[in-house]
């Protein structure tokens, strides 16, 4: 799975340009086999994504959808959250 323009536009609108640039330069878990190192970095990324989505007490539906999509791309199930964008 590659970085889709639709994903980039959604992530930019909700999370901002810096986060989108960072995520666009990171490899997706779907592009390469899972290793112990990749697993720990995936867990770290998920924790950071969760912090971004829940920052400042914001719990908007758009931010939650972005988290689900990012989870699907960078550490979750292959299609988990795909229908939320």
Protein backbone atom coordinates (compact mmCIF):
# COMPACT_ATOMS: atom_id res chain seq x y z
CA UNK A 1 0.00 0.00 0.00
CA UNK A 2 1.34 3.42 -0.89
CA UNK A 3 0.69 6.90 0.38
CA UNK A 4 -2.56 7.97 -1.29
CA UNK A 5 -3.36 11.60 -2.11
CA UNK A 6 -6.73 11.23 -0.39
CA UNK A 7 -4.98 10.08 2.80
CA UNK A 8 -2.48 12.93 2.60
CA UNK A 9 -5.23 15.53 2.19
CA UNK A 10 -7.22 14.12 5.10
CA UNK A 11 -4.20 13.86 7.39
CA UNK A 12 -3.06 17.39 6.49
CA UNK A 13 -6.48 18.84 7.23
CA UNK A 14 -6.77 17.11 10.58
CA UNK A 15 -3.23 16.71 11.88
CA UNK A 16 -1.20 19.36 10.05
CA UNK A 17 1.61 19.49 7.49
CA UNK A 18 4.48 18.43 9.80
CA UNK A 19 2.79 15.19 10.82
CA UNK A 20 1.87 14.36 7.23
CA UNK A 21 5.43 14.92 6.03
CA UNK A 22 6.77 12.69 8.81
CA UNK A 23 4.31 9.90 8.03
CA UNK A 24 4.86 10.16 4.27
CA UNK A 25 8.56 9.48 4.75
CA UNK A 26 8.05 6.44 6.99
CA UNK A 27 7.67 2.97 5.51
CA UNK A 28 4.27 1.36 5.90
CA UNK A 29 4.11 -1.97 7.73
CA UNK A 30 2.38 -3.40 4.66
CA UNK A 31 5.38 -2.75 2.43
CA UNK A 32 7.88 -4.96 4.25
CA UNK A 33 7.95 -8.07 6.44
CA UNK A 34 7.53 -7.58 10.19
CA UNK A 35 10.66 -7.84 12.31
CA UNK A 36 11.19 -7.38 16.05
CA UNK A 37 12.60 -3.92 15.37
CA UNK A 38 9.68 -3.00 13.11
CA UNK A 39 7.24 -4.27 15.72
CA UNK A 40 8.67 -2.05 18.46
CA UNK A 41 8.80 0.99 16.17
CA UNK A 42 5.21 0.27 15.11
CA UNK A 43 4.10 0.27 18.76
CA UNK A 44 5.97 3.53 19.33
CA UNK A 45 4.38 5.09 16.25
CA UNK A 46 0.90 3.99 17.34
CA UNK A 47 1.47 5.58 20.76
CA UNK A 48 2.56 8.85 19.12
CA UNK A 49 -0.41 8.79 16.75
CA UNK A 50 -2.77 8.22 19.67
CA UNK A 51 -1.22 11.20 21.48
CA UNK A 52 -1.69 13.36 18.37
CA UNK A 53 -5.33 12.40 18.02
CA UNK A 54 -6.14 12.90 21.69
CA UNK A 55 -4.03 16.04 22.21
CA UNK A 56 -5.54 18.95 24.09
CA UNK A 57 -8.58 16.88 24.96
CA UNK A 58 -9.83 16.97 21.38
CA UNK A 59 -11.93 13.97 20.58
CA UNK A 60 -13.48 14.93 17.26
CA UNK A 61 -14.74 12.25 14.91
CA UNK A 62 -12.39 13.43 12.14
CA UNK A 63 -9.35 12.91 14.37
CA UNK A 64 -10.58 9.46 15.39
CA UNK A 65 -11.06 8.48 11.72
CA UNK A 66 -7.53 9.62 10.96
CA UNK A 67 -6.21 7.51 13.82
CA UNK A 68 -8.04 4.44 12.52
CA UNK A 69 -6.69 4.99 9.00
CA UNK A 70 -3.15 5.54 10.26
CA UNK A 71 -3.45 2.43 12.41
CA UNK A 72 -4.44 0.44 9.31
CA UNK A 73 -1.52 1.82 7.30
CA UNK A 74 1.20 1.73 9.93
CA UNK A 75 0.51 -1.05 12.36
CA UNK A 76 -2.95 -2.52 12.31
CA UNK A 77 -4.82 -4.99 10.18
CA UNK A 78 -4.48 -4.79 6.42
CA UNK A 79 -7.88 -3.14 5.87
CA UNK A 80 -8.83 -2.18 9.41
CA UNK A 81 -10.09 1.40 9.38
CA UNK A 82 -9.95 1.63 5.59
CA UNK A 83 -13.64 2.52 5.36
CA UNK A 84 -13.33 5.48 7.68
CA UNK A 85 -11.71 7.89 5.20
